Amino acid sequence: MSERSEASFLSAGELASGREKLHGHLSMVLFAALISGSFSLGSMAAPYLGATALNVVRFFFATLVMGVAAFAIYRRLPLPETAPWRFGILGLLMAGYFIAMFTALKITDPVSTGAVFTLIPLMSAAFGFMFLRQTVRPIVILSLLIAGCGSVWVIFRGNIDAILSFDIGTGETIFFFGCICHAAYAPLVKKFNRREPVVLTTYWTTIATFLAVAVVGAGEVVSTDWLSLPGIVWIAIGYLAVVTSAGTFFLVQYASMRLPASKVLSYGYMIPVFIIFYEGLLGHGWASLAVFAGAIVTVLGLVVVALAPDL
C-alpha cells in the first residue's frame, strides 16, 4: 500500500470514528431531553399511583415494545447465544437504581436526590477504569466538576443557603447506592457486549429489569385499582414505557459502545436544564436568571467534555 493510499485509509477510518462518536453524543443529548420530560409528566400522575406499581407496569409494556421491535427486525426473539447472565446483571443494576430512587423519594425530597445524582458521571469514570481500563484526561474531570456544579446550582434554584444546608440522611444514602448501580451500568454494557445488535441487548436487559422490579412491586400492583385511574396516569405509563424505558435503554447502550463511560453519563447533568425549560413551556413558571446562569455553566462544561479527546 502506498503512503498516499495508506494516509487516505487512515483519514477515512478517523472520519468514520468521528461520526460514530458524534452519534453517541447526540444520542445522549436526546436521552437527557427524553428523561427530563418524564419528570414533569410523572409529577402529574404521581398522586394517583404508587411508584413501585408504576415501574412494574412501565417495564412490562417496555418489554412488549422492545419485543415487537426486535421481532419486526429479526423475525424472531432468540435467546443470547452465550452467557445470558450478563443481561441479568445489567437488569439488576437498573432495577436497583429505580428501586433505590423511589424508595428514597418516599423519605426525602427530589432536590436532595438530584444533588446525589450529580455524582454518577464521576463514579462512572471510576468504573470505566475498573472494568475497561478507560483513562480520563484531567480536562474531562475538571469539566465534569464544573458541569456538576452548574447542575447543583440549577437543582437548588440558585439558593446558596439551601446548598449549604444539604444534609445526608437515610434517603440520600439509599439513593447513593442506587447511583452506584447506575454508574456501573454504562461501562458494563460495553464490557459484556459480544457483538450482539443493540436492539436485542436492550430487549434482554429490559426483560431482566422488569423481572427484578416485579419481584419487589408485585404486592402494590395487586392492590392498585387500575380501572379507576385517570387518563394522565396511562399517558405517563405510555411515555415512561416507550420513551424513558425502552427508548433510553437503547440510547445508553448505543452510546456506551461509542463513548467512554465518563462521557456517556455526564449528559445526566443536562436533565435539570431540560426540566426548567419544559416547566416554563408548560406554564409552570420560568426559572430566574441566576438559575439559567447555572444551566449555561452546565452546558458549557459538557461541551468541553464532548470535545476533549477520549484518552
Protein backbone atom coordinates (compact mmCIF):
# COMPACT_ATOMS: atom_id res chain seq x y z
CA MET A 1 0.00 0.00 0.00
CA SER A 2 1.40 3.40 -0.97
CA GLU A 3 1.86 6.18 1.55
CA ARG A 4 -0.90 8.20 -0.11
CA SER A 5 -3.44 5.34 -0.07
CA GLU A 6 -2.48 4.45 3.49
CA ALA A 7 -3.00 8.07 4.60
CA SER A 8 -6.32 8.13 2.75
CA PHE A 9 -7.35 4.89 4.50
CA LEU A 10 -6.44 6.29 7.92
CA SER A 11 -8.33 9.51 7.20
CA ALA A 12 -11.43 7.55 6.23
CA GLY A 13 -11.14 5.49 9.41
CA GLU A 14 -10.75 8.57 11.57
CA LEU A 15 -13.73 10.20 9.83
CA ALA A 16 -15.91 7.14 10.46
CA SER A 17 -14.81 7.04 14.09
CA GLY A 18 -15.63 10.73 14.46
CA ARG A 19 -19.12 10.19 13.05
CA GLU A 20 -19.70 7.31 15.46
CA LYS A 21 -18.68 9.46 18.42
CA LEU A 22 -20.87 12.33 17.24
CA HIS A 23 -23.82 9.96 17.02
CA GLY A 24 -23.02 8.79 20.54
CA HIS A 25 -23.04 12.37 21.89
CA LEU A 26 -26.26 13.24 20.06
CA SER A 27 -27.95 10.10 21.36
CA MET A 28 -27.15 11.13 24.95
CA VAL A 29 -28.45 14.67 24.41
CA LEU A 30 -31.67 13.05 23.23
CA PHE A 31 -31.52 10.75 26.27
CA ALA A 32 -31.41 13.74 28.63
CA ALA A 33 -34.23 15.51 26.79
CA LEU A 34 -36.48 12.43 26.93
CA ILE A 35 -35.74 11.60 30.56
CA SER A 36 -36.44 15.20 31.56
CA GLY A 37 -39.92 15.05 30.08
CA SER A 38 -40.80 12.18 32.41
CA PHE A 39 -40.31 14.38 35.49
CA SER A 40 -42.98 16.89 34.51
CA LEU A 41 -45.34 14.21 33.22
CA GLY A 42 -44.64 11.88 36.13
CA SER A 43 -45.35 14.60 38.70
CA MET A 44 -48.88 14.96 37.28
CA ALA A 45 -49.51 11.19 37.56
CA ALA A 46 -47.76 10.56 40.89
CA PRO A 47 -50.75 11.38 43.17
CA TYR A 48 -52.83 8.58 41.63
CA LEU A 49 -50.43 5.60 41.56
CA GLY A 50 -47.72 4.10 43.75
CA ALA A 51 -44.18 4.49 42.43
CA THR A 52 -43.35 0.77 42.56
CA ALA A 53 -46.53 -0.26 40.72
CA LEU A 54 -45.83 2.41 38.12
CA ASN A 55 -42.37 0.98 37.46
CA VAL A 56 -43.60 -2.61 37.20
CA VAL A 57 -46.19 -1.63 34.60
CA ARG A 58 -43.85 0.65 32.67
CA PHE A 59 -41.23 -2.10 32.32
CA PHE A 60 -43.89 -4.67 31.41
CA PHE A 61 -45.02 -2.51 28.49
CA ALA A 62 -41.41 -1.59 27.68
CA THR A 63 -40.65 -5.31 27.35
CA LEU A 64 -43.55 -5.70 24.93
CA VAL A 65 -42.41 -2.69 22.90
CA MET A 66 -38.84 -3.94 22.62
CA GLY A 67 -40.07 -7.46 21.83
CA VAL A 68 -42.19 -6.17 18.94
CA ALA A 69 -39.27 -4.06 17.66
CA ALA A 70 -36.82 -6.96 17.86
CA PHE A 71 -39.25 -9.36 16.17
CA ALA A 72 -40.01 -6.86 13.40
CA ILE A 73 -36.29 -6.52 12.64
CA TYR A 74 -35.06 -10.11 13.11
CA ARG A 75 -38.31 -12.10 12.65
CA ARG A 76 -37.51 -13.97 15.85
CA LEU A 77 -36.68 -13.41 19.52
CA PRO A 78 -33.59 -15.55 20.09
CA LEU A 79 -32.07 -16.13 23.50
CA PRO A 80 -28.47 -14.93 23.99
CA GLU A 81 -26.11 -17.45 22.42
CA THR A 82 -23.60 -17.15 25.25
CA ALA A 83 -23.60 -16.05 28.89
CA PRO A 84 -27.21 -14.89 29.42
CA TRP A 85 -26.22 -13.95 32.98
CA ARG A 86 -24.76 -10.74 31.52
CA PHE A 87 -28.22 -9.30 30.96
CA GLY A 88 -29.34 -10.46 34.38
CA ILE A 89 -26.59 -8.33 35.93
CA LEU A 90 -27.45 -5.31 33.77
CA GLY A 91 -31.14 -5.69 34.60
CA LEU A 92 -30.43 -5.99 38.33
CA LEU A 93 -28.31 -2.84 38.22
CA MET A 94 -31.05 -0.79 36.60
CA ALA A 95 -33.73 -2.29 38.85
CA GLY A 96 -31.53 -1.45 41.85
CA TYR A 97 -31.29 2.14 40.67
CA PHE A 98 -35.03 2.61 40.17
CA ILE A 99 -35.99 0.83 43.39
CA ALA A 100 -33.47 2.90 45.36
CA MET A 101 -34.67 6.11 43.71
CA PHE A 102 -38.34 5.62 44.51
CA THR A 103 -37.58 4.29 47.98
CA ALA A 104 -35.51 7.40 48.65
CA LEU A 105 -38.23 9.70 47.32
CA LYS A 106 -40.60 8.38 49.99
CA ILE A 107 -38.38 9.71 52.77
CA THR A 108 -36.55 12.64 51.18
CA ASP A 109 -37.19 15.29 48.53
CA PRO A 110 -36.39 15.39 44.78
CA VAL A 111 -33.88 18.22 45.28
CA SER A 112 -31.73 16.09 47.56
CA THR A 113 -31.86 13.08 45.24
CA GLY A 114 -30.99 15.36 42.33
CA ALA A 115 -27.90 16.54 44.18
CA VAL A 116 -26.79 12.94 44.81
CA PHE A 117 -27.42 12.13 41.12
CA THR A 118 -24.65 14.54 40.11
CA LEU A 119 -22.11 12.05 41.49
CA ILE A 120 -22.93 9.48 38.80
CA PRO A 121 -20.60 10.72 35.98
CA LEU A 122 -17.54 10.73 38.24
CA MET A 123 -18.42 7.30 39.66
CA SER A 124 -18.95 6.03 36.12
CA ALA A 125 -15.47 7.28 35.19
CA ALA A 126 -14.09 5.24 38.09
CA PHE A 127 -15.98 2.14 36.97
CA GLY A 128 -14.82 2.74 33.41
CA PHE A 129 -11.23 2.49 34.60
CA MET A 130 -12.01 -0.52 36.81
CA PHE A 131 -13.82 -2.57 34.16
CA LEU A 132 -12.34 -1.31 30.89
CA ARG A 133 -9.14 0.48 31.91
CA GLN A 134 -10.54 3.67 30.37
CA THR A 135 -8.47 6.64 31.45
CA VAL A 136 -9.89 10.14 31.78
CA ARG A 137 -7.97 13.31 30.91
CA PRO A 138 -7.71 15.98 33.62
CA ILE A 139 -9.62 18.44 31.40
CA VAL A 140 -12.56 15.99 31.31
CA ILE A 141 -12.54 15.58 35.11
CA LEU A 142 -12.39 19.36 35.55
CA SER A 143 -15.21 19.90 33.04
CA LEU A 144 -17.34 17.26 34.76
CA LEU A 145 -16.84 19.04 38.08
CA ILE A 146 -17.79 22.40 36.55
CA ALA A 147 -20.85 20.92 34.83
CA GLY A 148 -21.78 19.19 38.08
CA CYS A 149 -21.55 22.47 40.00
CA GLY A 150 -23.79 24.13 37.41
CA SER A 151 -26.26 21.25 37.72
CA VAL A 152 -26.33 21.52 41.53
CA TRP A 153 -26.92 25.27 41.20
CA VAL A 154 -29.92 24.58 38.94
CA ILE A 155 -31.27 21.80 41.21
CA PHE A 156 -31.21 24.11 44.27
CA ARG A 157 -32.60 27.02 42.23
CA GLY A 158 -29.54 29.16 42.92
CA ASN A 159 -30.23 29.19 46.67
CA ILE A 160 -26.85 29.19 48.42
CA ASP A 161 -28.43 28.66 51.86
CA ALA A 162 -30.20 25.54 50.58
CA ILE A 163 -26.95 24.20 49.15
CA LEU A 164 -25.08 24.80 52.41
CA SER A 165 -27.84 23.21 54.48
CA PHE A 166 -27.87 19.99 52.41
CA ASP A 167 -27.95 17.05 54.82
CA ILE A 168 -27.08 13.43 54.05
CA GLY A 169 -29.84 11.34 55.59
CA THR A 170 -31.24 7.84 55.11
CA GLY A 171 -32.94 8.69 51.81
CA GLU A 172 -29.81 10.22 50.33
CA THR A 173 -27.75 7.21 51.44
CA ILE A 174 -30.18 4.76 49.84
CA PHE A 175 -30.17 6.71 46.59
CA PHE A 176 -26.36 6.90 46.66
CA PHE A 177 -26.20 3.10 46.42
CA GLY A 178 -28.73 3.23 43.60
CA CYS A 179 -26.49 5.72 41.79
CA ILE A 180 -23.58 3.30 42.17
CA CYS A 181 -25.67 0.73 40.27
CA HIS A 182 -26.44 3.27 37.53
CA ALA A 183 -22.78 4.33 37.27
CA ALA A 184 -21.61 0.73 36.82
CA TYR A 185 -24.19 0.06 34.11
CA ALA A 186 -22.65 2.02 31.21
CA PRO A 187 -19.12 0.51 31.29
CA LEU A 188 -20.54 -2.99 31.85
CA VAL A 189 -22.70 -2.64 28.72
CA LYS A 190 -19.51 -2.35 26.69
CA LYS A 191 -17.60 -4.97 28.68
CA PHE A 192 -20.39 -7.53 28.33
CA ASN A 193 -21.09 -6.87 24.66
CA ARG A 194 -20.28 -9.79 22.37
CA ARG A 195 -21.25 -8.17 19.10
CA GLU A 196 -24.99 -8.61 19.67
CA PRO A 197 -27.22 -5.98 17.99
CA VAL A 198 -28.20 -3.12 20.29
CA VAL A 199 -31.92 -3.82 19.82
CA LEU A 200 -31.56 -7.37 21.13
CA THR A 201 -29.34 -6.42 24.07
CA THR A 202 -31.84 -3.70 25.00
CA TYR A 203 -34.67 -6.24 24.82
CA TRP A 204 -32.93 -8.76 27.08
CA THR A 205 -31.87 -6.08 29.56
CA THR A 206 -35.41 -4.69 29.71
CA ILE A 207 -36.79 -8.18 30.47
CA ALA A 208 -34.28 -8.63 33.28
CA THR A 209 -35.13 -5.21 34.72
CA PHE A 210 -38.87 -5.97 34.59
CA LEU A 211 -38.45 -9.30 36.40
CA ALA A 212 -36.36 -7.71 39.16
CA VAL A 213 -38.76 -4.79 39.67
CA ALA A 214 -41.80 -7.11 39.56
CA VAL A 215 -40.47 -9.17 42.48
CA VAL A 216 -40.38 -6.04 44.63
CA GLY A 217 -43.59 -4.41 43.38
CA ALA A 218 -45.97 -7.36 42.93
CA GLY A 219 -47.93 -6.55 46.09
CA GLU A 220 -48.52 -2.93 45.12
CA VAL A 221 -49.60 -3.97 41.62
CA VAL A 222 -52.24 -6.34 43.01
CA SER A 223 -53.59 -3.76 45.48
CA THR A 224 -53.96 -0.99 42.87
CA ASP A 225 -57.41 -0.22 41.45
CA TRP A 226 -56.29 0.12 37.83
CA LEU A 227 -59.77 0.77 36.38
CA SER A 228 -60.23 3.93 38.43
CA LEU A 229 -57.01 5.63 37.34
CA PRO A 230 -57.38 8.90 35.35
CA GLY A 231 -56.14 9.30 31.81
CA ILE A 232 -52.99 11.20 32.79
CA VAL A 233 -51.69 8.07 34.53
CA TRP A 234 -51.98 5.98 31.37
CA ILE A 235 -50.36 8.76 29.33
CA ALA A 236 -47.48 8.78 31.82
CA ILE A 237 -47.19 4.99 31.73
CA GLY A 238 -47.11 5.03 27.92
CA TYR A 239 -44.42 7.72 27.87
CA LEU A 240 -42.33 6.00 30.54
CA ALA A 241 -42.61 2.59 28.87
CA VAL A 242 -41.88 3.59 25.29
CA VAL A 243 -39.67 6.66 25.69
CA THR A 244 -37.88 6.52 29.05
CA SER A 245 -37.58 2.75 29.41
CA ALA A 246 -37.20 1.05 26.04
CA GLY A 247 -36.03 4.21 24.26
CA THR A 248 -33.46 5.43 26.77
CA PHE A 249 -32.13 1.91 27.44
CA PHE A 250 -31.43 1.72 23.71
CA LEU A 251 -29.77 5.17 23.65
CA VAL A 252 -27.49 4.42 26.61
CA GLN A 253 -26.43 1.08 25.17
CA TYR A 254 -25.85 2.69 21.76
CA ALA A 255 -23.73 5.49 23.24
CA SER A 256 -21.85 3.13 25.58
CA MET A 257 -20.43 1.30 22.56
CA ARG A 258 -19.07 4.58 21.14
CA LEU A 259 -18.04 6.76 24.09
CA PRO A 260 -16.12 6.33 27.36
CA ALA A 261 -18.31 5.71 30.41
CA SER A 262 -17.42 9.11 31.91
CA LYS A 263 -18.83 10.90 28.85
CA VAL A 264 -21.95 8.75 28.47
CA LEU A 265 -23.49 9.51 31.85
CA SER A 266 -22.20 13.09 32.01
CA TYR A 267 -25.27 14.07 29.99
CA GLY A 268 -27.35 13.41 33.09
CA TYR A 269 -26.25 16.89 34.12
CA MET A 270 -28.49 18.25 31.35
CA ILE A 271 -31.63 16.79 32.90
CA PRO A 272 -32.25 19.73 35.30
CA VAL A 273 -31.61 22.12 32.40
CA PHE A 274 -34.28 20.47 30.24
CA ILE A 275 -36.68 20.26 33.20
CA ILE A 276 -36.68 24.02 33.83
CA PHE A 277 -37.20 24.55 30.09
CA TYR A 278 -40.16 22.13 29.96
CA GLU A 279 -41.70 23.57 33.12
CA GLY A 280 -41.61 27.02 31.54
CA LEU A 281 -43.25 25.76 28.35
CA LEU A 282 -45.97 24.02 30.38
CA GLY A 283 -46.83 27.30 32.10
CA HIS A 284 -45.49 26.26 35.50
CA GLY A 285 -43.21 29.30 35.66
CA TRP A 286 -39.79 30.15 34.26
CA ALA A 287 -36.65 29.91 36.36
CA SER A 288 -34.76 33.02 37.45
CA LEU A 289 -31.79 34.42 35.55
CA ALA A 290 -29.48 33.08 38.26
CA VAL A 291 -30.76 29.55 37.65
CA PHE A 292 -30.37 29.97 33.89
CA ALA A 293 -26.77 31.04 34.51
CA GLY A 294 -26.18 27.69 36.22
CA ALA A 295 -27.76 25.94 33.25
CA ILE A 296 -25.37 27.74 30.87
CA VAL A 297 -22.38 26.69 33.00
CA THR A 298 -23.60 23.08 32.83
CA VAL A 299 -23.95 23.16 29.05
CA LEU A 300 -20.54 24.78 28.54
CA GLY A 301 -18.91 22.21 30.81
CA LEU A 302 -20.47 19.39 28.79
CA VAL A 303 -19.33 20.97 25.52
CA VAL A 304 -15.75 20.78 26.78
CA VAL A 305 -16.30 17.16 27.87
CA ALA A 306 -17.63 16.28 24.41
CA LEU A 307 -14.75 17.98 22.54
CA ALA A 308 -11.97 16.66 24.81
CA PRO A 309 -10.02 13.63 23.48
CA ASP A 310 -11.17 10.31 24.90
CA LEU A 311 -7.72 9.21 26.02
